[in-house]
Each structure stands twice: as structure tokens, then as C-alpha cells.
């Protein structure tokens, strides 16, 4: 009986460790939001429920002139900007939405069961919130603002077509002069 109890405890410990490792593997170390590996797991779920894609929204965001921020103020400030954006995204979306650091300065918000106008409104709300936040730079004793451009798409027959639509709208937002949302 004692051996069974010890085995049960070890199995529980293993399950806890496995859960912790999966969280570590699926989280972007810098920003604390999901990473591409977490997105891949979510996409596997979507593959089994393709009807969900018709109401899935995607906001793809890119930090405006991020290279300039890194080159001018350094990578520590660039990292601060990414952390600030991630914090703002997490604070302003539903807990069921997936916030992903997709690339260096690119973020995705995957939204389940949303209408296009709601997704467009959310993207603009996120853009406005991010541009209001400031990052203090001690070396110049001043604050800088960060802005994002965003592309929005809702509904598609596949993940790749949803991503392609949102990406096309992101390029339009950047062409419009940045700090903009297109959908």
C-alpha cells in the first residue's frame, strides 16, 4: 500500500513537471505571452474544428520603426517596448484570446468567435492604448512613445488564408503611414 502511495505521488509530481515544462516551452521568455510553438498547438486544435475558422479573428501587429528604436536607444529599450506591448495586449483582450509573439517585433492576437467590426474595434483600441504608454529613457531624461500598425481579418477556410489576409492589411496600414489599423 505504501509503494502504491509513493508511485501515485511520483506520477502526480511528473504530471506537474510536465505541465510546467509545456508552459515554459510555449511561452516567450522575454514578454511572457505565447510563442509560435503555442500557436502551432492551437492550430492543431483548429484543424479538427475547421468550422471555427469562419468566426476566428486575427490581428497581426508590427512595432513601427522598431529597428530605429533599437539602433537609437539600444536593445534594452527595445525589450522594454516589447514587454510593454505584451502587457498591454494581455490586459486588453479576453482570457480566451491567444496573444502570440510571432516574430521579433510582431505580435498576433487570435480571437475566437468574433465579428469583423468587433475585431477592428479591438485592434484600434489596442493601438490607441499602446501609443498612450511611454517608456522612460534615463540617458536622455525623457520618454519615448511606441506605436504599432495592425492588420485585421476575420473568417477564412484555412489558417494560412486568414494569416495572409491579415498580413495584407498590415502592409496597407504601414503604407498609410504607420500607427494605423486596416481590415
N, C-alpha and C. Protein backbone atom coordinates (compact mmCIF):
# COMPACT_ATOMS: atom_id res chain seq x y z
N UNK A 1 0.83 -1.20 0.00
CA UNK A 1 0.00 0.00 0.00
C UNK A 1 0.88 1.27 0.00
N UNK A 2 1.96 1.21 0.78
CA UNK A 2 2.88 2.34 0.84
C UNK A 2 3.56 2.57 -0.51
N UNK A 3 3.92 1.50 -1.19
CA UNK A 3 4.55 1.60 -2.51
C UNK A 3 3.60 2.21 -3.52
N UNK A 4 2.35 1.85 -3.45
CA UNK A 4 1.34 2.41 -4.36
C UNK A 4 1.18 3.90 -4.10
N UNK A 5 1.18 4.29 -2.84
CA UNK A 5 1.05 5.70 -2.47
C UNK A 5 2.24 6.50 -3.00
N UNK A 6 3.47 5.96 -2.87
CA UNK A 6 4.67 6.64 -3.37
C UNK A 6 4.63 6.76 -4.89
N UNK A 7 4.19 5.70 -5.54
CA UNK A 7 4.07 5.71 -7.00
C UNK A 7 3.06 6.78 -7.43
N UNK A 8 1.95 6.86 -6.73
CA UNK A 8 0.92 7.86 -7.04
C UNK A 8 1.49 9.27 -6.88
N UNK A 9 2.26 9.52 -5.81
CA UNK A 9 2.88 10.83 -5.59
C UNK A 9 3.86 11.17 -6.70
N UNK A 10 4.66 10.20 -7.11
CA UNK A 10 5.64 10.44 -8.18
C UNK A 10 4.96 10.74 -9.51
N UNK A 11 3.87 10.05 -9.79
CA UNK A 11 3.11 10.30 -11.01
C UNK A 11 2.51 11.71 -10.99
N UNK A 12 2.01 12.13 -9.83
CA UNK A 12 1.48 13.48 -9.70
C UNK A 12 2.58 14.51 -9.89
N UNK A 13 3.76 14.26 -9.31
CA UNK A 13 4.90 15.17 -9.48
C UNK A 13 5.31 15.24 -10.95
N UNK A 14 5.32 14.09 -11.61
CA UNK A 14 5.67 14.06 -13.03
C UNK A 14 4.67 14.87 -13.85
N UNK A 15 3.38 14.73 -13.54
CA UNK A 15 2.36 15.48 -14.26
C UNK A 15 2.54 16.99 -14.05
N UNK A 16 2.86 17.39 -12.83
CA UNK A 16 3.08 18.81 -12.54
C UNK A 16 4.30 19.32 -13.32
N UNK A 17 5.39 18.56 -13.30
CA UNK A 17 6.59 18.95 -14.05
C UNK A 17 6.32 19.02 -15.54
N UNK A 18 5.59 18.06 -16.05
CA UNK A 18 5.25 18.06 -17.48
C UNK A 18 4.44 19.30 -17.84
N UNK A 19 3.48 19.66 -17.00
CA UNK A 19 2.68 20.86 -17.22
C UNK A 19 3.57 22.11 -17.19
N UNK A 20 4.47 22.20 -16.22
CA UNK A 20 5.37 23.34 -16.13
C UNK A 20 6.29 23.43 -17.34
N UNK A 21 6.83 22.31 -17.78
CA UNK A 21 7.70 22.30 -18.96
C UNK A 21 6.95 22.73 -20.22
N UNK A 22 5.71 22.26 -20.34
CA UNK A 22 4.91 22.65 -21.51
C UNK A 22 4.66 24.16 -21.49
N UNK A 23 4.38 24.72 -20.31
CA UNK A 23 4.19 26.17 -20.20
C UNK A 23 5.46 26.92 -20.56
N UNK A 24 6.59 26.45 -20.09
CA UNK A 24 7.86 27.08 -20.41
C UNK A 24 8.12 27.02 -21.91
N UNK A 25 7.88 25.87 -22.49
CA UNK A 25 8.13 25.68 -23.93
C UNK A 25 7.19 26.53 -24.78
N UNK A 26 6.00 26.84 -24.29
CA UNK A 26 5.00 27.58 -25.07
C UNK A 26 4.95 29.07 -24.78
N UNK A 27 5.87 29.55 -23.95
CA UNK A 27 5.85 30.95 -23.55
C UNK A 27 7.11 31.65 -24.03
N UNK A 28 6.91 32.85 -24.58
CA UNK A 28 8.04 33.68 -24.98
C UNK A 28 8.73 34.18 -23.71
N UNK A 29 10.01 33.90 -23.60
CA UNK A 29 10.75 34.20 -22.37
C UNK A 29 10.80 35.69 -22.06
N UNK A 30 10.88 36.54 -23.07
CA UNK A 30 11.01 37.97 -22.84
C UNK A 30 9.69 38.61 -22.41
N UNK A 31 8.63 38.30 -23.14
CA UNK A 31 7.38 39.03 -22.96
C UNK A 31 6.35 38.31 -22.09
N UNK A 32 6.48 37.01 -21.93
CA UNK A 32 5.53 36.26 -21.14
C UNK A 32 4.25 35.87 -21.87
N UNK A 33 4.13 36.23 -23.14
CA UNK A 33 2.97 35.79 -23.92
C UNK A 33 3.31 34.49 -24.63
N UNK A 34 2.34 33.92 -25.30
CA UNK A 34 2.57 32.66 -26.01
C UNK A 34 3.58 32.86 -27.14
N UNK A 35 4.22 31.76 -27.52
CA UNK A 35 5.17 31.80 -28.63
C UNK A 35 4.61 31.01 -29.81
N UNK A 36 5.41 30.85 -30.85
CA UNK A 36 4.95 30.15 -32.05
C UNK A 36 4.61 28.69 -31.78
N UNK A 37 5.30 28.08 -30.84
CA UNK A 37 5.01 26.69 -30.51
C UNK A 37 3.59 26.56 -29.94
N UNK A 38 3.20 27.51 -29.10
CA UNK A 38 1.83 27.52 -28.56
C UNK A 38 0.82 27.74 -29.67
N UNK A 39 1.17 28.61 -30.61
CA UNK A 39 0.30 28.85 -31.76
C UNK A 39 0.11 27.58 -32.57
N UNK A 40 1.20 26.84 -32.78
CA UNK A 40 1.12 25.59 -33.53
C UNK A 40 0.18 24.59 -32.85
N UNK A 41 0.23 24.54 -31.52
CA UNK A 41 -0.68 23.65 -30.79
C UNK A 41 -2.13 24.09 -30.97
N UNK A 42 -2.36 25.40 -30.93
CA UNK A 42 -3.71 25.91 -31.14
C UNK A 42 -4.20 25.61 -32.56
N UNK A 43 -3.31 25.72 -33.52
CA UNK A 43 -3.69 25.44 -34.91
C UNK A 43 -4.05 23.97 -35.11
N UNK A 44 -3.39 23.09 -34.37
CA UNK A 44 -3.76 21.67 -34.43
C UNK A 44 -5.19 21.48 -33.94
N UNK A 45 -5.55 22.21 -32.90
CA UNK A 45 -6.92 22.18 -32.39
C UNK A 45 -7.89 22.68 -33.47
N UNK A 46 -7.53 23.79 -34.13
CA UNK A 46 -8.40 24.35 -35.17
C UNK A 46 -8.57 23.41 -36.36
N UNK A 47 -7.53 22.64 -36.68
CA UNK A 47 -7.63 21.69 -37.80
C UNK A 47 -8.78 20.71 -37.60
N UNK A 48 -9.06 20.35 -36.36
CA UNK A 48 -10.12 19.40 -36.06
C UNK A 48 -11.49 20.06 -35.99
N UNK A 49 -11.51 21.38 -36.01
CA UNK A 49 -12.77 22.13 -35.97
C UNK A 49 -12.71 23.25 -37.00
N UNK A 50 -12.64 22.92 -38.29
CA UNK A 50 -12.49 23.96 -39.31
C UNK A 50 -13.65 24.96 -39.34
N UNK A 51 -14.82 24.57 -38.86
CA UNK A 51 -15.96 25.49 -38.84
C UNK A 51 -15.69 26.68 -37.92
N UNK A 52 -14.81 26.53 -36.94
CA UNK A 52 -14.46 27.62 -36.03
C UNK A 52 -13.73 28.75 -36.76
N UNK A 53 -13.03 28.41 -37.85
CA UNK A 53 -12.28 29.42 -38.58
C UNK A 53 -13.18 30.50 -39.18
N UNK A 54 -14.43 30.17 -39.44
CA UNK A 54 -15.33 31.16 -40.04
C UNK A 54 -15.62 32.33 -39.10
N UNK A 55 -15.43 32.13 -37.80
CA UNK A 55 -15.65 33.18 -36.81
C UNK A 55 -14.37 33.53 -36.04
N UNK A 56 -13.23 33.05 -36.53
CA UNK A 56 -11.96 33.35 -35.87
C UNK A 56 -11.40 34.65 -36.42
N UNK A 57 -11.00 35.52 -35.50
CA UNK A 57 -10.39 36.79 -35.89
C UNK A 57 -8.89 36.75 -35.66
N UNK A 58 -8.19 37.50 -36.46
CA UNK A 58 -6.74 37.60 -36.32
C UNK A 58 -6.32 39.05 -36.46
N UNK A 59 -5.58 39.50 -35.47
CA UNK A 59 -4.96 40.82 -35.54
C UNK A 59 -3.47 40.58 -35.57
N UNK A 60 -2.81 41.06 -36.61
CA UNK A 60 -1.36 40.95 -36.69
C UNK A 60 -0.80 42.36 -36.54
N UNK A 61 0.13 42.50 -35.59
CA UNK A 61 0.68 43.81 -35.26
C UNK A 61 2.19 43.82 -35.42
N UNK A 62 2.68 44.94 -35.82
CA UNK A 62 4.10 45.14 -36.02
C UNK A 62 4.47 46.47 -35.37
N UNK A 63 5.56 46.49 -34.62
CA UNK A 63 6.00 47.73 -33.97
C UNK A 63 6.57 48.65 -35.05
N UNK A 64 6.07 49.87 -35.07
CA UNK A 64 6.53 50.84 -36.07
C UNK A 64 7.96 51.28 -35.77
N UNK A 65 8.78 51.24 -36.80
CA UNK A 65 10.18 51.70 -36.73
C UNK A 65 10.94 51.09 -35.55
N UNK A 66 10.75 49.80 -35.34
CA UNK A 66 11.39 49.13 -34.21
C UNK A 66 12.91 49.11 -34.34
N UNK A 67 13.42 48.95 -35.55
CA UNK A 67 14.87 48.96 -35.76
C UNK A 67 15.46 50.30 -35.31
N UNK A 68 14.74 51.37 -35.60
CA UNK A 68 15.18 52.71 -35.19
C UNK A 68 15.25 52.81 -33.66
N UNK A 69 14.26 52.24 -32.97
CA UNK A 69 14.26 52.25 -31.50
C UNK A 69 15.49 51.52 -30.99
N UNK A 70 15.73 50.32 -31.51
CA UNK A 70 16.91 49.54 -31.08
C UNK A 70 18.21 50.26 -31.41
N UNK A 71 18.32 50.81 -32.62
CA UNK A 71 19.56 51.47 -33.04
C UNK A 71 19.81 52.77 -32.28
N UNK A 72 18.75 53.49 -31.95
CA UNK A 72 18.90 54.78 -31.29
C UNK A 72 19.04 54.66 -29.77
N UNK A 73 18.21 53.81 -29.16
CA UNK A 73 18.17 53.75 -27.70
C UNK A 73 18.72 52.47 -27.12
N UNK A 74 19.02 51.49 -27.97
CA UNK A 74 19.59 50.23 -27.51
C UNK A 74 18.56 49.13 -27.36
N UNK A 75 19.06 47.92 -27.29
CA UNK A 75 18.19 46.75 -27.24
C UNK A 75 17.44 46.62 -25.91
N UNK A 76 17.99 47.18 -24.86
CA UNK A 76 17.29 47.13 -23.57
C UNK A 76 15.98 47.91 -23.67
N UNK A 77 16.03 49.07 -24.31
CA UNK A 77 14.82 49.86 -24.51
C UNK A 77 13.88 49.14 -25.47
N UNK A 78 14.44 48.52 -26.51
CA UNK A 78 13.63 47.73 -27.43
C UNK A 78 12.91 46.61 -26.70
N UNK A 79 13.62 45.95 -25.80
CA UNK A 79 13.00 44.89 -24.99
C UNK A 79 11.90 45.46 -24.10
N UNK A 80 12.14 46.64 -23.52
CA UNK A 80 11.12 47.28 -22.69
C UNK A 80 9.86 47.54 -23.52
N UNK A 81 10.05 47.97 -24.75
CA UNK A 81 8.92 48.26 -25.64
C UNK A 81 8.12 46.98 -25.90
N UNK A 82 8.81 45.89 -26.17
CA UNK A 82 8.13 44.62 -26.44
C UNK A 82 7.36 44.14 -25.21
N UNK A 83 7.97 44.29 -24.04
CA UNK A 83 7.30 43.90 -22.79
C UNK A 83 6.06 44.75 -22.54
N UNK A 84 6.18 46.04 -22.79
CA UNK A 84 5.06 46.96 -22.61
C UNK A 84 3.90 46.59 -23.54
N UNK A 85 4.22 46.30 -24.78
CA UNK A 85 3.18 45.92 -25.74
C UNK A 85 2.51 44.62 -25.31
N UNK A 86 3.30 43.64 -24.92
CA UNK A 86 2.74 42.35 -24.49
C UNK A 86 1.82 42.55 -23.28
N UNK A 87 2.26 43.36 -22.33
CA UNK A 87 1.45 43.63 -21.14
C UNK A 87 0.13 44.30 -21.53
N UNK A 88 0.20 45.26 -22.43
CA UNK A 88 -1.00 45.96 -22.88
C UNK A 88 -1.95 45.01 -23.60
N UNK A 89 -1.40 44.15 -24.45
CA UNK A 89 -2.25 43.20 -25.17
C UNK A 89 -2.96 42.27 -24.19
N UNK A 90 -2.20 41.70 -23.26
CA UNK A 90 -2.79 40.76 -22.29
C UNK A 90 -3.87 41.43 -21.45
N UNK A 91 -3.66 42.70 -21.11
CA UNK A 91 -4.61 43.41 -20.25
C UNK A 91 -5.89 43.81 -20.99
N UNK A 92 -5.86 43.83 -22.30
CA UNK A 92 -6.99 44.36 -23.06
C UNK A 92 -7.71 43.34 -23.95
N UNK A 93 -7.37 42.07 -23.81
CA UNK A 93 -8.10 41.03 -24.56
C UNK A 93 -8.70 40.04 -23.57
N UNK A 94 -9.61 39.23 -24.07
CA UNK A 94 -10.24 38.23 -23.20
C UNK A 94 -9.22 37.15 -22.84
N UNK A 95 -9.44 36.51 -21.72
CA UNK A 95 -8.52 35.44 -21.31
C UNK A 95 -8.55 34.28 -22.29
N UNK A 96 -9.62 34.14 -23.05
CA UNK A 96 -9.72 33.06 -24.04
C UNK A 96 -9.00 33.38 -25.34
N UNK A 97 -8.60 34.64 -25.54
CA UNK A 97 -7.87 35.03 -26.75
C UNK A 97 -6.41 34.64 -26.61
N UNK A 98 -5.79 34.34 -27.72
CA UNK A 98 -4.39 33.91 -27.71
C UNK A 98 -3.50 35.06 -28.19
N UNK A 99 -2.62 35.53 -27.31
CA UNK A 99 -1.65 36.57 -27.65
C UNK A 99 -0.32 35.87 -27.90
N UNK A 100 0.26 36.11 -29.07
CA UNK A 100 1.46 35.40 -29.50
C UNK A 100 2.52 36.41 -29.93
N UNK A 101 3.73 36.22 -29.44
CA UNK A 101 4.86 36.95 -30.04
C UNK A 101 5.29 36.09 -31.21
N UNK A 102 4.98 36.58 -32.40
CA UNK A 102 5.13 35.79 -33.62
C UNK A 102 6.53 35.88 -34.20
N UNK A 103 7.14 37.02 -34.03
CA UNK A 103 8.50 37.24 -34.53
C UNK A 103 9.15 38.29 -33.67
N UNK A 104 10.25 38.84 -34.11
CA UNK A 104 11.00 39.82 -33.34
C UNK A 104 10.13 40.91 -32.75
N UNK A 105 9.44 41.67 -33.61
CA UNK A 105 8.59 42.76 -33.14
C UNK A 105 7.17 42.60 -33.67
N UNK A 106 6.78 41.37 -33.92
CA UNK A 106 5.46 41.09 -34.46
C UNK A 106 4.64 40.28 -33.44
N UNK A 107 3.41 40.71 -33.24
CA UNK A 107 2.50 40.04 -32.32
C UNK A 107 1.22 39.66 -33.06
N UNK A 108 0.62 38.56 -32.62
CA UNK A 108 -0.69 38.16 -33.14
C UNK A 108 -1.65 38.09 -31.97
N UNK A 109 -2.91 38.42 -32.25
CA UNK A 109 -3.98 38.15 -31.31
C UNK A 109 -4.99 37.30 -32.08
N UNK A 110 -5.20 36.08 -31.62
CA UNK A 110 -6.15 35.16 -32.24
C UNK A 110 -7.40 35.18 -31.37
N UNK A 111 -8.52 35.53 -31.99
CA UNK A 111 -9.76 35.76 -31.25
C UNK A 111 -10.82 34.78 -31.74
N UNK A 112 -11.33 34.02 -30.82
CA UNK A 112 -12.37 33.04 -31.15
C UNK A 112 -13.74 33.71 -31.15
N UNK A 113 -14.57 33.37 -32.13
CA UNK A 113 -15.96 33.79 -32.17
C UNK A 113 -16.14 35.30 -32.08
N UNK A 114 -15.75 36.00 -33.14
CA UNK A 114 -15.84 37.46 -33.16
C UNK A 114 -16.32 37.92 -34.54
N UNK A 115 -17.01 39.03 -34.55
CA UNK A 115 -17.44 39.67 -35.80
C UNK A 115 -16.33 40.61 -36.26
N UNK A 116 -16.31 40.89 -37.55
CA UNK A 116 -15.25 41.73 -38.12
C UNK A 116 -15.20 43.11 -37.48
N UNK A 117 -16.36 43.76 -37.31
CA UNK A 117 -16.37 45.12 -36.74
C UNK A 117 -15.83 45.12 -35.31
N UNK A 118 -16.12 44.06 -34.56
CA UNK A 118 -15.60 43.96 -33.19
C UNK A 118 -14.08 43.80 -33.20
N UNK A 119 -13.57 42.99 -34.13
CA UNK A 119 -12.12 42.77 -34.22
C UNK A 119 -11.41 44.06 -34.62
N UNK A 120 -12.00 44.79 -35.55
CA UNK A 120 -11.43 46.06 -36.00
C UNK A 120 -11.41 47.07 -34.85
N UNK A 121 -12.50 47.11 -34.09
CA UNK A 121 -12.58 48.00 -32.93
C UNK A 121 -11.51 47.63 -31.90
N UNK A 122 -11.38 46.33 -31.61
CA UNK A 122 -10.38 45.87 -30.65
C UNK A 122 -8.97 46.25 -31.10
N UNK A 123 -8.66 46.04 -32.36
CA UNK A 123 -7.33 46.37 -32.88
C UNK A 123 -7.04 47.86 -32.70
N UNK A 124 -8.02 48.71 -32.97
CA UNK A 124 -7.80 50.14 -32.83
C UNK A 124 -7.68 50.53 -31.36
N UNK A 125 -8.45 49.87 -30.50
CA UNK A 125 -8.34 50.11 -29.05
C UNK A 125 -6.93 49.75 -28.57
N UNK A 126 -6.40 48.61 -29.03
CA UNK A 126 -5.05 48.20 -28.66
C UNK A 126 -4.02 49.20 -29.16
N UNK A 127 -4.17 49.64 -30.42
CA UNK A 127 -3.25 50.63 -30.99
C UNK A 127 -3.26 51.91 -30.17
N UNK A 128 -4.43 52.40 -29.83
CA UNK A 128 -4.54 53.64 -29.04
C UNK A 128 -3.92 53.49 -27.65
N UNK A 129 -4.15 52.34 -27.03
CA UNK A 129 -3.59 52.11 -25.69
C UNK A 129 -2.05 52.07 -25.74
N UNK A 130 -1.52 51.40 -26.75
CA UNK A 130 -0.06 51.28 -26.86
C UNK A 130 0.58 52.64 -27.11
N UNK A 131 -0.02 53.44 -27.96
CA UNK A 131 0.58 54.74 -28.28
C UNK A 131 0.48 55.71 -27.09
N UNK A 132 -0.44 55.47 -26.16
CA UNK A 132 -0.54 56.31 -24.95
C UNK A 132 0.57 56.01 -23.96
N UNK A 133 1.04 54.77 -23.93
CA UNK A 133 2.08 54.37 -22.98
C UNK A 133 3.42 55.00 -23.37
N UNK A 134 4.23 55.27 -22.37
CA UNK A 134 5.54 55.86 -22.62
C UNK A 134 6.63 55.03 -21.93
N UNK A 135 7.81 55.10 -22.50
CA UNK A 135 8.97 54.41 -21.93
C UNK A 135 9.98 55.47 -21.54
N UNK A 136 10.39 55.45 -20.29
CA UNK A 136 11.36 56.43 -19.80
C UNK A 136 12.77 56.00 -20.20
N UNK A 137 13.54 56.96 -20.74
CA UNK A 137 14.93 56.73 -21.14
C UNK A 137 15.82 57.59 -20.24
N UNK A 138 16.49 56.98 -19.25
CA UNK A 138 17.29 57.77 -18.31
C UNK A 138 18.40 58.59 -18.99
N UNK A 139 19.01 58.02 -20.03
CA UNK A 139 20.14 58.71 -20.69
C UNK A 139 19.75 60.05 -21.28
N UNK A 140 18.52 60.18 -21.71
CA UNK A 140 18.08 61.45 -22.29
C UNK A 140 17.08 62.17 -21.36
N UNK A 141 16.81 61.54 -20.20
CA UNK A 141 15.88 62.08 -19.22
C UNK A 141 14.55 62.48 -19.88
N UNK A 142 14.05 61.57 -20.70
CA UNK A 142 12.81 61.85 -21.41
C UNK A 142 12.09 60.53 -21.69
N UNK A 143 10.89 60.66 -22.19
CA UNK A 143 10.07 59.50 -22.52
C UNK A 143 9.97 59.36 -24.03
N UNK A 144 9.80 58.12 -24.48
CA UNK A 144 9.50 57.89 -25.90
C UNK A 144 8.18 57.14 -25.98
N UNK A 145 7.54 57.30 -27.11
CA UNK A 145 6.29 56.59 -27.38
C UNK A 145 6.55 55.55 -28.46
N UNK A 146 5.81 54.48 -28.36
CA UNK A 146 5.89 53.40 -29.34
C UNK A 146 4.53 53.31 -30.02
N UNK A 147 4.53 53.05 -31.30
CA UNK A 147 3.27 52.82 -31.99
C UNK A 147 3.33 51.50 -32.75
N UNK A 148 2.14 51.02 -33.09
CA UNK A 148 2.04 49.79 -33.86
C UNK A 148 1.15 50.03 -35.07
N UNK A 149 1.34 49.18 -36.06
CA UNK A 149 0.41 49.09 -37.18
C UNK A 149 -0.21 47.71 -37.10
N UNK A 150 -1.46 47.60 -37.53
CA UNK A 150 -2.16 46.32 -37.39
C UNK A 150 -3.00 46.01 -38.61
N UNK A 151 -3.05 44.72 -38.92
CA UNK A 151 -3.93 44.21 -39.96
C UNK A 151 -4.92 43.27 -39.32
N UNK A 152 -6.17 43.35 -39.74
CA UNK A 152 -7.25 42.57 -39.15
C UNK A 152 -7.94 41.74 -40.21
N UNK A 153 -8.24 40.50 -39.86
CA UNK A 153 -9.04 39.62 -40.72
C UNK A 153 -9.91 38.75 -39.84
N UNK A 154 -11.09 38.42 -40.34
CA UNK A 154 -11.99 37.51 -39.63
C UNK A 154 -12.56 36.53 -40.64
N UNK A 155 -12.46 35.27 -40.30
CA UNK A 155 -13.07 34.23 -41.11
C UNK A 155 -12.26 33.85 -42.33
N UNK A 156 -12.04 32.56 -42.48
CA UNK A 156 -11.32 32.04 -43.64
C UNK A 156 -11.56 30.53 -43.70
N UNK A 157 -11.13 29.94 -44.79
CA UNK A 157 -11.27 28.49 -44.93
C UNK A 157 -10.06 27.76 -44.37
N UNK A 158 -8.95 28.49 -44.16
CA UNK A 158 -7.75 27.88 -43.59
C UNK A 158 -6.99 28.94 -42.80
N UNK A 159 -6.12 28.45 -41.91
CA UNK A 159 -5.30 29.38 -41.13
C UNK A 159 -4.41 30.20 -42.05
N UNK A 160 -3.81 29.57 -43.04
CA UNK A 160 -2.88 30.30 -43.92
C UNK A 160 -3.60 31.42 -44.67
N UNK A 161 -4.84 31.20 -45.08
CA UNK A 161 -5.54 32.28 -45.79
C UNK A 161 -5.94 33.40 -44.82
N UNK A 162 -6.27 33.05 -43.56
CA UNK A 162 -6.57 34.08 -42.56
C UNK A 162 -5.33 34.92 -42.28
N UNK A 163 -4.20 34.26 -42.12
CA UNK A 163 -2.93 34.95 -41.88
C UNK A 163 -2.56 35.83 -43.08
N UNK A 164 -2.76 35.31 -44.26
CA UNK A 164 -2.44 36.08 -45.49
C UNK A 164 -3.30 37.34 -45.59
N UNK A 165 -4.60 37.22 -45.28
CA UNK A 165 -5.49 38.39 -45.34
C UNK A 165 -5.05 39.44 -44.31
N UNK A 166 -4.79 39.01 -43.08
CA UNK A 166 -4.40 39.95 -42.03
C UNK A 166 -3.05 40.61 -42.37
N UNK A 167 -2.14 39.82 -42.92
CA UNK A 167 -0.82 40.33 -43.29
C UNK A 167 -0.92 41.38 -44.40
N UNK A 168 -1.79 41.13 -45.37
CA UNK A 168 -2.01 42.09 -46.45
C UNK A 168 -2.54 43.40 -45.89
N UNK A 169 -3.45 43.31 -44.92
CA UNK A 169 -3.98 44.52 -44.30
C UNK A 169 -2.93 45.23 -43.46
N UNK A 170 -2.03 44.48 -42.84
CA UNK A 170 -0.92 45.10 -42.09
C UNK A 170 -0.05 45.93 -43.03
N UNK A 171 0.28 45.38 -44.19
CA UNK A 171 1.10 46.14 -45.15
C UNK A 171 0.38 47.42 -45.59
N UNK A 172 -0.93 47.36 -45.73
CA UNK A 172 -1.70 48.55 -46.08
C UNK A 172 -1.62 49.59 -44.97
N UNK A 173 -1.71 49.14 -43.72
CA UNK A 173 -1.62 50.07 -42.58
C UNK A 173 -0.25 50.74 -42.54
N UNK A 174 0.79 49.99 -42.83
CA UNK A 174 2.14 50.56 -42.85
C UNK A 174 2.29 51.56 -44.00
N UNK A 175 1.71 51.22 -45.15
CA UNK A 175 1.78 52.10 -46.31
C UNK A 175 1.01 53.40 -46.06
N UNK A 176 0.00 53.33 -45.21
CA UNK A 176 -0.80 54.50 -44.87
C UNK A 176 -0.05 55.48 -43.97
N UNK A 177 1.12 55.08 -43.52
CA UNK A 177 1.92 55.98 -42.69
C UNK A 177 2.17 55.47 -41.30
N UNK A 178 1.81 54.24 -41.01
CA UNK A 178 2.02 53.61 -39.71
C UNK A 178 1.05 54.14 -38.66
N UNK A 179 1.14 53.54 -37.46
CA UNK A 179 0.22 53.88 -36.36
C UNK A 179 -1.23 53.84 -36.87
N UNK A 180 -1.54 52.75 -37.56
CA UNK A 180 -2.86 52.63 -38.19
C UNK A 180 -3.34 51.18 -38.13
N UNK A 181 -4.64 51.02 -38.35
CA UNK A 181 -5.26 49.70 -38.41
C UNK A 181 -5.99 49.60 -39.73
N UNK A 182 -5.81 48.48 -40.41
CA UNK A 182 -6.52 48.21 -41.67
C UNK A 182 -7.19 46.86 -41.58
N UNK A 183 -8.32 46.74 -42.24
CA UNK A 183 -9.01 45.46 -42.27
C UNK A 183 -9.87 45.32 -43.49
